[in-house]
Amino acid sequence: MDNIVLFTIPAVAIPFVATLMLVMGNGTIAERHHSHHDTYVIASTFTWMLVFAMIVMGTLGILLGWLCTLEVFTSDSVVVMGFFDAFIVVAFAGWLLLRRYKVVTYDDYMTVTPFVGLTVSIAYDKISSMEWLPSILLPGSRNIRVYVDGRRRALLWGALDLEQILIRINRFDALVDVAAES
């Protein structure tokens, strides 16, 4: 019975922390236009859905773990709760990474904060090429890989408004469609 309590803590705490972070940071708009720059982030609807999935899975895990403890099901409650806790931890880590991703466009350059790694500044006139790539995570969507001096510098994820970003960059001469060339 003590193990089920230990496995219940992350099932309650992680979704609670994510919900609290969303409520405290509410007001994030996927696309904000300012006088000297534009900011693009992942849509809050998507991040809310991940938190909602964590809440549902945490609740379901607690319920099924409790029913296993009562021997309604023959499964081990620790195994059941471990599965649901693992889902919640992975969803939370993914949610944190998605919240971090950001592209800010200025008049002469842009900054890209990737899911993992340091923020990169790219001057538009230094871009040697940009290529469209199919998105693995978003079916029917495409990403843009940005090269400076022939080296990959950033990935503009298809979940953002890439058309608006491309208009701001205004380097259509550097844009290559990889799928059309092959």
N, C-alpha and C. Protein backbone atom coordinates (compact mmCIF):
# COMPACT_ATOMS: atom_id res chain seq x y z
N MET A 1 0.82 -1.20 0.00
CA MET A 1 0.00 0.00 0.00
C MET A 1 0.86 1.26 0.00
N ASP A 2 2.05 1.20 0.61
CA ASP A 2 2.92 2.36 0.67
C ASP A 2 3.46 2.73 -0.72
N ASN A 3 3.70 1.71 -1.55
CA ASN A 3 4.20 1.98 -2.90
C ASN A 3 3.19 2.76 -3.72
N ILE A 4 1.92 2.45 -3.56
CA ILE A 4 0.89 3.13 -4.34
C ILE A 4 0.85 4.61 -3.97
N VAL A 5 1.11 4.94 -2.72
CA VAL A 5 1.14 6.33 -2.30
C VAL A 5 2.32 7.05 -2.94
N LEU A 6 3.49 6.39 -2.99
CA LEU A 6 4.66 6.98 -3.62
C LEU A 6 4.43 7.23 -5.11
N PHE A 7 3.71 6.34 -5.76
CA PHE A 7 3.44 6.50 -7.18
C PHE A 7 2.29 7.48 -7.44
N THR A 8 1.51 7.78 -6.44
CA THR A 8 0.42 8.74 -6.59
C THR A 8 0.95 10.17 -6.57
N ILE A 9 2.04 10.40 -5.86
CA ILE A 9 2.58 11.76 -5.73
C ILE A 9 2.91 12.38 -7.09
N PRO A 10 3.69 11.69 -7.97
CA PRO A 10 3.95 12.33 -9.28
C PRO A 10 2.70 12.44 -10.14
N ALA A 11 1.77 11.51 -9.99
CA ALA A 11 0.54 11.55 -10.79
C ALA A 11 -0.32 12.77 -10.44
N VAL A 12 -0.14 13.28 -9.23
CA VAL A 12 -0.88 14.48 -8.81
C VAL A 12 0.00 15.73 -8.97
N ALA A 13 1.24 15.64 -8.54
CA ALA A 13 2.11 16.82 -8.47
C ALA A 13 2.49 17.37 -9.85
N ILE A 14 2.87 16.50 -10.77
CA ILE A 14 3.34 16.98 -12.08
C ILE A 14 2.23 17.69 -12.85
N PRO A 15 1.03 17.10 -12.99
CA PRO A 15 -0.03 17.86 -13.68
C PRO A 15 -0.41 19.14 -12.94
N PHE A 16 -0.35 19.12 -11.61
CA PHE A 16 -0.66 20.32 -10.84
C PHE A 16 0.36 21.43 -11.14
N VAL A 17 1.64 21.08 -11.15
CA VAL A 17 2.69 22.07 -11.43
C VAL A 17 2.53 22.61 -12.85
N ALA A 18 2.26 21.74 -13.82
CA ALA A 18 2.09 22.18 -15.21
C ALA A 18 0.88 23.11 -15.33
N THR A 19 -0.22 22.75 -14.66
CA THR A 19 -1.41 23.60 -14.69
C THR A 19 -1.12 24.95 -14.06
N LEU A 20 -0.44 24.93 -12.94
CA LEU A 20 -0.08 26.18 -12.26
C LEU A 20 0.80 27.06 -13.15
N MET A 21 1.77 26.45 -13.81
CA MET A 21 2.66 27.20 -14.71
C MET A 21 1.87 27.81 -15.87
N LEU A 22 0.90 27.06 -16.40
CA LEU A 22 0.09 27.58 -17.49
C LEU A 22 -0.79 28.73 -17.04
N VAL A 23 -1.41 28.57 -15.88
CA VAL A 23 -2.30 29.62 -15.37
C VAL A 23 -1.50 30.89 -15.06
N MET A 24 -0.34 30.72 -14.43
CA MET A 24 0.49 31.88 -14.09
C MET A 24 1.05 32.56 -15.33
N GLY A 25 1.36 31.77 -16.36
CA GLY A 25 1.93 32.34 -17.58
C GLY A 25 0.91 32.49 -18.68
N ASN A 26 -0.38 32.46 -18.34
CA ASN A 26 -1.43 32.56 -19.35
C ASN A 26 -1.32 33.90 -20.07
N GLY A 27 -1.80 33.93 -21.27
CA GLY A 27 -1.71 35.13 -22.07
C GLY A 27 -0.67 35.01 -23.16
N THR A 28 -0.01 33.84 -23.23
CA THR A 28 0.94 33.66 -24.31
C THR A 28 0.17 33.45 -25.61
N ILE A 29 0.42 34.33 -26.52
CA ILE A 29 -0.21 34.28 -27.82
C ILE A 29 0.82 33.70 -28.78
N ALA A 30 0.37 32.84 -29.68
CA ALA A 30 1.30 32.16 -30.59
C ALA A 30 2.06 33.14 -31.46
N GLU A 31 1.47 34.28 -31.73
CA GLU A 31 2.11 35.24 -32.62
C GLU A 31 1.86 36.64 -32.08
N ARG A 32 2.93 37.32 -31.67
CA ARG A 32 2.80 38.68 -31.16
C ARG A 32 3.61 39.63 -32.03
N HIS A 33 2.97 40.69 -32.46
CA HIS A 33 3.63 41.69 -33.30
C HIS A 33 3.86 42.96 -32.48
N HIS A 34 5.10 43.38 -32.44
CA HIS A 34 5.48 44.60 -31.76
C HIS A 34 6.02 45.58 -32.80
N SER A 35 6.30 46.78 -32.38
CA SER A 35 6.76 47.79 -33.34
C SER A 35 8.13 47.44 -33.92
N HIS A 36 9.02 46.82 -33.14
CA HIS A 36 10.36 46.54 -33.66
C HIS A 36 10.68 45.05 -33.80
N HIS A 37 9.77 44.16 -33.38
CA HIS A 37 10.01 42.73 -33.57
C HIS A 37 8.69 41.96 -33.48
N ASP A 38 8.73 40.72 -33.99
CA ASP A 38 7.61 39.80 -33.90
C ASP A 38 8.08 38.54 -33.19
N THR A 39 7.22 37.97 -32.33
CA THR A 39 7.56 36.77 -31.58
C THR A 39 6.60 35.66 -31.96
N TYR A 40 7.15 34.48 -32.22
CA TYR A 40 6.36 33.30 -32.59
C TYR A 40 6.69 32.16 -31.63
N VAL A 41 5.65 31.59 -31.01
CA VAL A 41 5.81 30.46 -30.10
C VAL A 41 4.76 29.40 -30.45
N ILE A 42 4.87 28.23 -29.83
CA ILE A 42 3.91 27.16 -30.04
C ILE A 42 2.55 27.62 -29.48
N ALA A 43 1.48 27.31 -30.18
CA ALA A 43 0.14 27.75 -29.78
C ALA A 43 -0.21 27.21 -28.39
N SER A 44 -0.80 28.07 -27.58
CA SER A 44 -1.15 27.68 -26.21
C SER A 44 -2.23 26.58 -26.19
N THR A 45 -3.03 26.48 -27.23
CA THR A 45 -4.04 25.42 -27.31
C THR A 45 -3.36 24.06 -27.27
N PHE A 46 -2.25 23.94 -27.99
CA PHE A 46 -1.52 22.68 -28.02
C PHE A 46 -0.92 22.35 -26.67
N THR A 47 -0.32 23.35 -26.02
CA THR A 47 0.29 23.09 -24.71
C THR A 47 -0.78 22.80 -23.66
N TRP A 48 -1.94 23.46 -23.75
CA TRP A 48 -3.04 23.15 -22.83
C TRP A 48 -3.49 21.71 -23.00
N MET A 49 -3.53 21.22 -24.24
CA MET A 49 -3.96 19.84 -24.49
C MET A 49 -2.99 18.84 -23.87
N LEU A 50 -1.70 19.15 -23.91
CA LEU A 50 -0.73 18.26 -23.26
C LEU A 50 -0.94 18.22 -21.76
N VAL A 51 -1.20 19.36 -21.16
CA VAL A 51 -1.46 19.40 -19.72
C VAL A 51 -2.76 18.65 -19.41
N PHE A 52 -3.76 18.83 -20.24
CA PHE A 52 -5.03 18.11 -20.05
C PHE A 52 -4.80 16.60 -20.13
N ALA A 53 -3.96 16.16 -21.07
CA ALA A 53 -3.64 14.74 -21.18
C ALA A 53 -2.94 14.24 -19.91
N MET A 54 -2.06 15.07 -19.34
CA MET A 54 -1.39 14.69 -18.09
C MET A 54 -2.40 14.54 -16.96
N ILE A 55 -3.36 15.46 -16.89
CA ILE A 55 -4.39 15.40 -15.84
C ILE A 55 -5.23 14.14 -15.99
N VAL A 56 -5.66 13.85 -17.21
CA VAL A 56 -6.50 12.67 -17.46
C VAL A 56 -5.73 11.40 -17.15
N MET A 57 -4.49 11.32 -17.62
CA MET A 57 -3.70 10.10 -17.37
C MET A 57 -3.36 9.94 -15.89
N GLY A 58 -3.11 11.04 -15.19
CA GLY A 58 -2.86 10.96 -13.76
C GLY A 58 -4.07 10.47 -13.00
N THR A 59 -5.25 10.99 -13.36
CA THR A 59 -6.49 10.57 -12.72
C THR A 59 -6.79 9.11 -13.01
N LEU A 60 -6.63 8.72 -14.28
CA LEU A 60 -6.88 7.34 -14.67
C LEU A 60 -5.90 6.39 -13.98
N GLY A 61 -4.64 6.80 -13.89
CA GLY A 61 -3.64 5.97 -13.23
C GLY A 61 -3.95 5.77 -11.75
N ILE A 62 -4.36 6.84 -11.07
CA ILE A 62 -4.71 6.73 -9.65
C ILE A 62 -5.91 5.80 -9.48
N LEU A 63 -6.92 5.97 -10.33
CA LEU A 63 -8.12 5.14 -10.24
C LEU A 63 -7.80 3.67 -10.49
N LEU A 64 -7.07 3.38 -11.56
CA LEU A 64 -6.74 1.98 -11.85
C LEU A 64 -5.78 1.39 -10.82
N GLY A 65 -4.83 2.19 -10.33
CA GLY A 65 -3.94 1.72 -9.28
C GLY A 65 -4.70 1.39 -8.00
N TRP A 66 -5.67 2.22 -7.67
CA TRP A 66 -6.50 1.97 -6.48
C TRP A 66 -7.33 0.70 -6.67
N LEU A 67 -7.91 0.51 -7.86
CA LEU A 67 -8.69 -0.70 -8.13
C LEU A 67 -7.82 -1.95 -8.09
N CYS A 68 -6.56 -1.84 -8.52
CA CYS A 68 -5.64 -2.97 -8.42
C CYS A 68 -5.30 -3.27 -6.96
N THR A 69 -5.18 -2.23 -6.15
CA THR A 69 -4.92 -2.41 -4.72
C THR A 69 -6.09 -3.12 -4.05
N LEU A 70 -7.31 -2.81 -4.48
CA LEU A 70 -8.50 -3.48 -3.95
C LEU A 70 -8.71 -4.86 -4.55
N GLU A 71 -7.81 -5.26 -5.45
CA GLU A 71 -7.83 -6.55 -6.14
C GLU A 71 -9.05 -6.73 -7.04
N VAL A 72 -9.58 -5.62 -7.55
CA VAL A 72 -10.62 -5.69 -8.57
C VAL A 72 -9.99 -6.20 -9.86
N PHE A 73 -8.76 -5.77 -10.12
CA PHE A 73 -7.97 -6.26 -11.24
C PHE A 73 -6.80 -7.04 -10.68
N THR A 74 -6.30 -8.00 -11.46
CA THR A 74 -5.22 -8.85 -10.96
C THR A 74 -3.84 -8.25 -11.19
N SER A 75 -3.76 -7.13 -11.85
CA SER A 75 -2.46 -6.49 -12.10
C SER A 75 -1.88 -5.91 -10.82
N ASP A 76 -0.56 -5.76 -10.83
CA ASP A 76 0.13 -5.15 -9.71
C ASP A 76 -0.06 -3.64 -9.78
N SER A 77 -0.49 -3.03 -8.71
CA SER A 77 -0.77 -1.59 -8.69
C SER A 77 0.49 -0.76 -8.97
N VAL A 78 1.65 -1.25 -8.55
CA VAL A 78 2.90 -0.52 -8.79
C VAL A 78 3.21 -0.48 -10.29
N VAL A 79 2.97 -1.57 -10.99
CA VAL A 79 3.21 -1.61 -12.43
C VAL A 79 2.25 -0.67 -13.15
N VAL A 80 1.00 -0.69 -12.76
CA VAL A 80 -0.01 0.17 -13.39
C VAL A 80 0.33 1.64 -13.15
N MET A 81 0.61 1.99 -11.91
CA MET A 81 0.95 3.38 -11.60
C MET A 81 2.27 3.80 -12.24
N GLY A 82 3.21 2.87 -12.32
CA GLY A 82 4.49 3.17 -12.98
C GLY A 82 4.30 3.52 -14.44
N PHE A 83 3.39 2.82 -15.12
CA PHE A 83 3.10 3.13 -16.52
C PHE A 83 2.54 4.54 -16.66
N PHE A 84 1.55 4.87 -15.86
CA PHE A 84 0.92 6.19 -15.96
C PHE A 84 1.88 7.30 -15.52
N ASP A 85 2.68 7.04 -14.50
CA ASP A 85 3.68 8.03 -14.08
C ASP A 85 4.71 8.27 -15.18
N ALA A 86 5.13 7.20 -15.86
CA ALA A 86 6.09 7.35 -16.95
C ALA A 86 5.50 8.21 -18.06
N PHE A 87 4.24 7.99 -18.39
CA PHE A 87 3.59 8.81 -19.41
C PHE A 87 3.59 10.28 -18.99
N ILE A 88 3.24 10.54 -17.75
CA ILE A 88 3.15 11.92 -17.26
C ILE A 88 4.53 12.59 -17.27
N VAL A 89 5.55 11.88 -16.86
CA VAL A 89 6.90 12.47 -16.84
C VAL A 89 7.37 12.79 -18.26
N VAL A 90 7.14 11.88 -19.20
CA VAL A 90 7.55 12.12 -20.59
C VAL A 90 6.74 13.27 -21.19
N ALA A 91 5.43 13.31 -20.94
CA ALA A 91 4.60 14.41 -21.45
C ALA A 91 5.04 15.74 -20.85
N PHE A 92 5.38 15.76 -19.58
CA PHE A 92 5.84 16.99 -18.93
C PHE A 92 7.16 17.47 -19.54
N ALA A 93 8.08 16.54 -19.77
CA ALA A 93 9.37 16.91 -20.38
C ALA A 93 9.14 17.46 -21.79
N GLY A 94 8.29 16.81 -22.56
CA GLY A 94 7.97 17.31 -23.90
C GLY A 94 7.29 18.66 -23.85
N TRP A 95 6.40 18.84 -22.89
CA TRP A 95 5.70 20.11 -22.72
C TRP A 95 6.68 21.24 -22.40
N LEU A 96 7.65 20.96 -21.52
CA LEU A 96 8.66 21.97 -21.20
C LEU A 96 9.49 22.34 -22.42
N LEU A 97 9.85 21.35 -23.23
CA LEU A 97 10.62 21.62 -24.44
C LEU A 97 9.81 22.46 -25.43
N LEU A 98 8.54 22.13 -25.60
CA LEU A 98 7.69 22.88 -26.53
C LEU A 98 7.51 24.33 -26.08
N ARG A 99 7.38 24.53 -24.78
CA ARG A 99 7.20 25.89 -24.27
C ARG A 99 8.46 26.74 -24.46
N ARG A 100 9.59 26.10 -24.57
CA ARG A 100 10.86 26.81 -24.70
C ARG A 100 11.08 27.33 -26.12
N TYR A 101 10.56 26.63 -27.12
CA TYR A 101 10.82 26.96 -28.53
C TYR A 101 10.23 28.32 -28.89
N LYS A 102 11.06 29.16 -29.54
CA LYS A 102 10.60 30.51 -29.87
C LYS A 102 11.43 31.06 -31.02
N VAL A 103 10.77 31.81 -31.91
CA VAL A 103 11.45 32.53 -32.98
C VAL A 103 11.05 33.99 -32.85
N VAL A 104 12.05 34.87 -32.80
CA VAL A 104 11.80 36.31 -32.72
C VAL A 104 12.45 36.93 -33.96
N THR A 105 11.65 37.64 -34.75
CA THR A 105 12.17 38.28 -35.96
C THR A 105 12.25 39.78 -35.75
N TYR A 106 13.40 40.34 -36.13
CA TYR A 106 13.65 41.78 -36.09
C TYR A 106 13.80 42.28 -37.52
N ASP A 107 14.16 43.52 -37.69
CA ASP A 107 14.31 44.08 -39.04
C ASP A 107 15.44 43.41 -39.83
N ASP A 108 16.58 43.19 -39.18
CA ASP A 108 17.77 42.69 -39.89
C ASP A 108 18.19 41.29 -39.49
N TYR A 109 17.63 40.74 -38.43
CA TYR A 109 18.05 39.42 -37.96
C TYR A 109 16.90 38.76 -37.19
N MET A 110 17.10 37.48 -36.89
CA MET A 110 16.13 36.75 -36.07
C MET A 110 16.90 35.95 -35.02
N THR A 111 16.21 35.65 -33.92
CA THR A 111 16.77 34.76 -32.91
C THR A 111 15.86 33.54 -32.82
N VAL A 112 16.49 32.39 -32.73
CA VAL A 112 15.75 31.13 -32.63
C VAL A 112 16.19 30.45 -31.34
N THR A 113 15.22 30.20 -30.45
CA THR A 113 15.49 29.44 -29.23
C THR A 113 14.98 28.03 -29.48
N PRO A 114 15.89 27.07 -29.70
CA PRO A 114 15.46 25.71 -30.05
C PRO A 114 14.91 24.96 -28.83
N PHE A 115 14.38 23.77 -29.10
CA PHE A 115 13.86 22.94 -28.01
C PHE A 115 14.95 22.66 -26.99
N VAL A 116 16.15 22.37 -27.47
CA VAL A 116 17.30 22.10 -26.61
C VAL A 116 18.49 22.86 -27.19
N GLY A 117 19.23 23.53 -26.35
CA GLY A 117 20.42 24.23 -26.81
C GLY A 117 20.33 25.73 -26.59
N LEU A 118 21.34 26.41 -27.11
CA LEU A 118 21.45 27.85 -26.93
C LEU A 118 20.67 28.60 -28.00
N THR A 119 20.26 29.82 -27.66
CA THR A 119 19.59 30.69 -28.61
C THR A 119 20.58 31.13 -29.69
N VAL A 120 20.12 31.11 -30.93
CA VAL A 120 20.97 31.44 -32.08
C VAL A 120 20.44 32.72 -32.73
N SER A 121 21.35 33.66 -33.03
CA SER A 121 20.99 34.86 -33.79
C SER A 121 21.48 34.68 -35.22
N ILE A 122 20.61 35.01 -36.17
CA ILE A 122 20.94 34.85 -37.58
C ILE A 122 20.59 36.14 -38.31
N ALA A 123 21.60 36.76 -38.90
CA ALA A 123 21.38 37.95 -39.73
C ALA A 123 20.81 37.48 -41.07
N TYR A 124 19.78 38.16 -41.54
CA TYR A 124 19.12 37.74 -42.78
C TYR A 124 20.07 37.76 -43.97
N ASP A 125 20.94 38.74 -44.03
CA ASP A 125 21.85 38.83 -45.18
C ASP A 125 22.96 37.79 -45.14
N LYS A 126 23.12 37.09 -44.02
CA LYS A 126 24.13 36.03 -43.90
C LYS A 126 23.57 34.65 -44.25
N ILE A 127 22.26 34.54 -44.46
CA ILE A 127 21.64 33.25 -44.77
C ILE A 127 22.09 32.82 -46.16
N SER A 128 22.74 31.63 -46.24
CA SER A 128 23.18 31.12 -47.53
C SER A 128 22.08 30.34 -48.23
N SER A 129 21.26 29.62 -47.46
CA SER A 129 20.11 28.91 -48.04
C SER A 129 19.14 28.51 -46.94
N MET A 130 17.93 28.25 -47.39
CA MET A 130 16.88 27.72 -46.52
C MET A 130 16.18 26.62 -47.31
N GLU A 131 15.84 25.51 -46.63
CA GLU A 131 15.19 24.43 -47.35
C GLU A 131 13.96 23.94 -46.61
N TRP A 132 12.93 23.61 -47.39
CA TRP A 132 11.72 23.02 -46.83
C TRP A 132 11.99 21.57 -46.54
N LEU A 133 11.53 21.09 -45.40
CA LEU A 133 11.66 19.69 -45.03
C LEU A 133 10.31 19.18 -44.55
N PRO A 134 9.98 17.92 -44.82
CA PRO A 134 8.72 17.39 -44.27
C PRO A 134 8.82 17.29 -42.75
N SER A 135 7.72 17.59 -42.09
CA SER A 135 7.68 17.51 -40.63
C SER A 135 7.32 16.09 -40.21
N ILE A 136 8.11 15.53 -39.33
CA ILE A 136 7.85 14.17 -38.84
C ILE A 136 6.72 14.20 -37.81
N LEU A 137 6.69 15.23 -36.97
CA LEU A 137 5.72 15.30 -35.88
C LEU A 137 4.37 15.86 -36.29
N LEU A 138 4.34 16.70 -37.32
CA LEU A 138 3.09 17.32 -37.75
C LEU A 138 2.77 16.89 -39.18
N PRO A 139 1.99 15.85 -39.37
CA PRO A 139 1.67 15.38 -40.73
C PRO A 139 1.03 16.49 -41.56
N GLY A 140 1.45 16.60 -42.81
CA GLY A 140 0.91 17.63 -43.69
C GLY A 140 1.56 18.98 -43.50
N SER A 141 2.56 19.06 -42.64
CA SER A 141 3.24 20.31 -42.37
C SER A 141 4.70 20.19 -42.79
N ARG A 142 5.34 21.33 -42.96
CA ARG A 142 6.76 21.31 -43.32
C ARG A 142 7.54 22.26 -42.42
N ASN A 143 8.80 21.93 -42.22
CA ASN A 143 9.73 22.75 -41.46
C ASN A 143 10.66 23.45 -42.44
N ILE A 144 11.39 24.44 -41.94
CA ILE A 144 12.41 25.11 -42.75
C ILE A 144 13.74 25.03 -42.01
N ARG A 145 14.74 24.52 -42.68
CA ARG A 145 16.09 24.48 -42.13
C ARG A 145 16.86 25.67 -42.70
N VAL A 146 17.51 26.43 -41.82
CA VAL A 146 18.22 27.65 -42.22
C VAL A 146 19.73 27.38 -42.15
N TYR A 147 20.42 27.74 -43.24
CA TYR A 147 21.87 27.58 -43.33
C TYR A 147 22.54 28.93 -43.41
N VAL A 148 23.66 29.06 -42.69
CA VAL A 148 24.52 30.24 -42.78
C VAL A 148 25.91 29.74 -43.12
N ASP A 149 26.48 30.25 -44.22
CA ASP A 149 27.79 29.81 -44.71
C ASP A 149 27.84 28.30 -44.91
N GLY A 150 26.73 27.73 -45.38
CA GLY A 150 26.68 26.30 -45.66
C GLY A 150 26.48 25.41 -44.44
N ARG A 151 26.42 25.99 -43.25
CA ARG A 151 26.23 25.20 -42.01
C ARG A 151 24.81 25.40 -41.49
N ARG A 152 24.22 24.31 -41.04
CA ARG A 152 22.87 24.39 -40.49
C ARG A 152 22.91 25.19 -39.19
N ARG A 153 22.07 26.22 -39.12
CA ARG A 153 22.06 27.08 -37.93
C ARG A 153 20.77 26.97 -37.14
N ALA A 154 19.64 26.72 -37.82
CA ALA A 154 18.36 26.70 -37.10
C ALA A 154 17.33 25.89 -37.87
N LEU A 155 16.32 25.47 -37.13
CA LEU A 155 15.17 24.79 -37.71
C LEU A 155 13.93 25.58 -37.31
N LEU A 156 13.20 26.04 -38.31
CA LEU A 156 11.93 26.74 -38.06
C LEU A 156 10.84 25.70 -38.16
N TRP A 157 10.22 25.41 -37.03
CA TRP A 157 9.26 24.31 -36.94
C TRP A 157 7.94 24.69 -37.58
N GLY A 158 7.33 23.73 -38.25
CA GLY A 158 6.09 23.94 -38.99
C GLY A 158 4.89 24.31 -38.15
N ALA A 159 4.98 24.19 -36.85
CA ALA A 159 3.86 24.56 -35.97
C ALA A 159 3.72 26.08 -35.86
N LEU A 160 4.74 26.80 -36.29
CA LEU A 160 4.69 28.26 -36.26
C LEU A 160 4.13 28.77 -37.59
N ASP A 161 3.84 30.06 -37.66
CA ASP A 161 3.35 30.67 -38.88
C ASP A 161 4.55 30.98 -39.77
N LEU A 162 5.00 29.97 -40.51
CA LEU A 162 6.22 30.11 -41.30
C LEU A 162 6.09 31.14 -42.42
N GLU A 163 4.89 31.31 -42.96
CA GLU A 163 4.71 32.29 -44.02
C GLU A 163 5.02 33.70 -43.50
N GLN A 164 4.55 34.02 -42.31
CA GLN A 164 4.84 35.34 -41.73
C GLN A 164 6.33 35.51 -41.43
N ILE A 165 6.95 34.44 -40.96
CA ILE A 165 8.39 34.50 -40.68
C ILE A 165 9.17 34.71 -41.97
N LEU A 166 8.79 33.99 -43.04
CA LEU A 166 9.47 34.14 -44.33
C LEU A 166 9.30 35.55 -44.90
N ILE A 167 8.13 36.12 -44.73
CA ILE A 167 7.91 37.48 -45.21
C ILE A 167 8.84 38.45 -44.49
N ARG A 168 8.99 38.25 -43.18
CA ARG A 168 9.87 39.13 -42.40
C ARG A 168 11.34 38.95 -42.80
N ILE A 169 11.75 37.69 -43.04
CA ILE A 169 13.13 37.42 -43.46
C ILE A 169 13.38 38.01 -44.84
N ASN A 170 12.43 37.84 -45.75
CA ASN A 170 12.49 38.40 -47.11
C ASN A 170 13.73 37.94 -47.86
N ARG A 171 13.99 36.64 -47.81
CA ARG A 171 15.11 36.04 -48.54
C ARG A 171 14.62 34.86 -49.35
N PHE A 172 13.63 35.08 -50.20
CA PHE A 172 13.05 34.01 -51.00
C PHE A 172 14.04 33.47 -52.02
N ASP A 173 15.09 34.25 -52.33
CA ASP A 173 16.14 33.77 -53.23
C ASP A 173 16.92 32.61 -52.61
N ALA A 174 16.94 32.52 -51.28
CA ALA A 174 17.69 31.47 -50.59
C ALA A 174 16.83 30.24 -50.29
N LEU A 175 15.55 30.30 -50.58
CA LEU A 175 14.62 29.22 -50.24
C LEU A 175 14.64 28.14 -51.31
N VAL A 176 14.90 26.91 -50.89
CA VAL A 176 14.96 25.77 -51.79
C VAL A 176 13.93 24.75 -51.34
N ASP A 177 13.19 24.17 -52.28
CA ASP A 177 12.22 23.11 -51.96
C ASP A 177 12.86 21.77 -52.26
N VAL A 178 13.30 21.06 -51.22
CA VAL A 178 14.00 19.80 -51.37
C VAL A 178 13.11 18.77 -52.03
N ALA A 179 11.83 18.72 -51.68
CA ALA A 179 10.92 17.72 -52.23
C ALA A 179 10.72 17.93 -53.73
N ALA A 180 10.70 19.17 -54.19
CA ALA A 180 10.50 19.46 -55.61
C ALA A 180 11.74 19.11 -56.43
N GLU A 181 12.91 19.16 -55.83
CA GLU A 181 14.16 18.88 -56.56
C GLU A 181 14.40 17.40 -56.73
N SER A 182 13.86 16.56 -55.86
CA SER A 182 14.15 15.13 -55.94
C SER A 182 13.18 14.39 -56.80
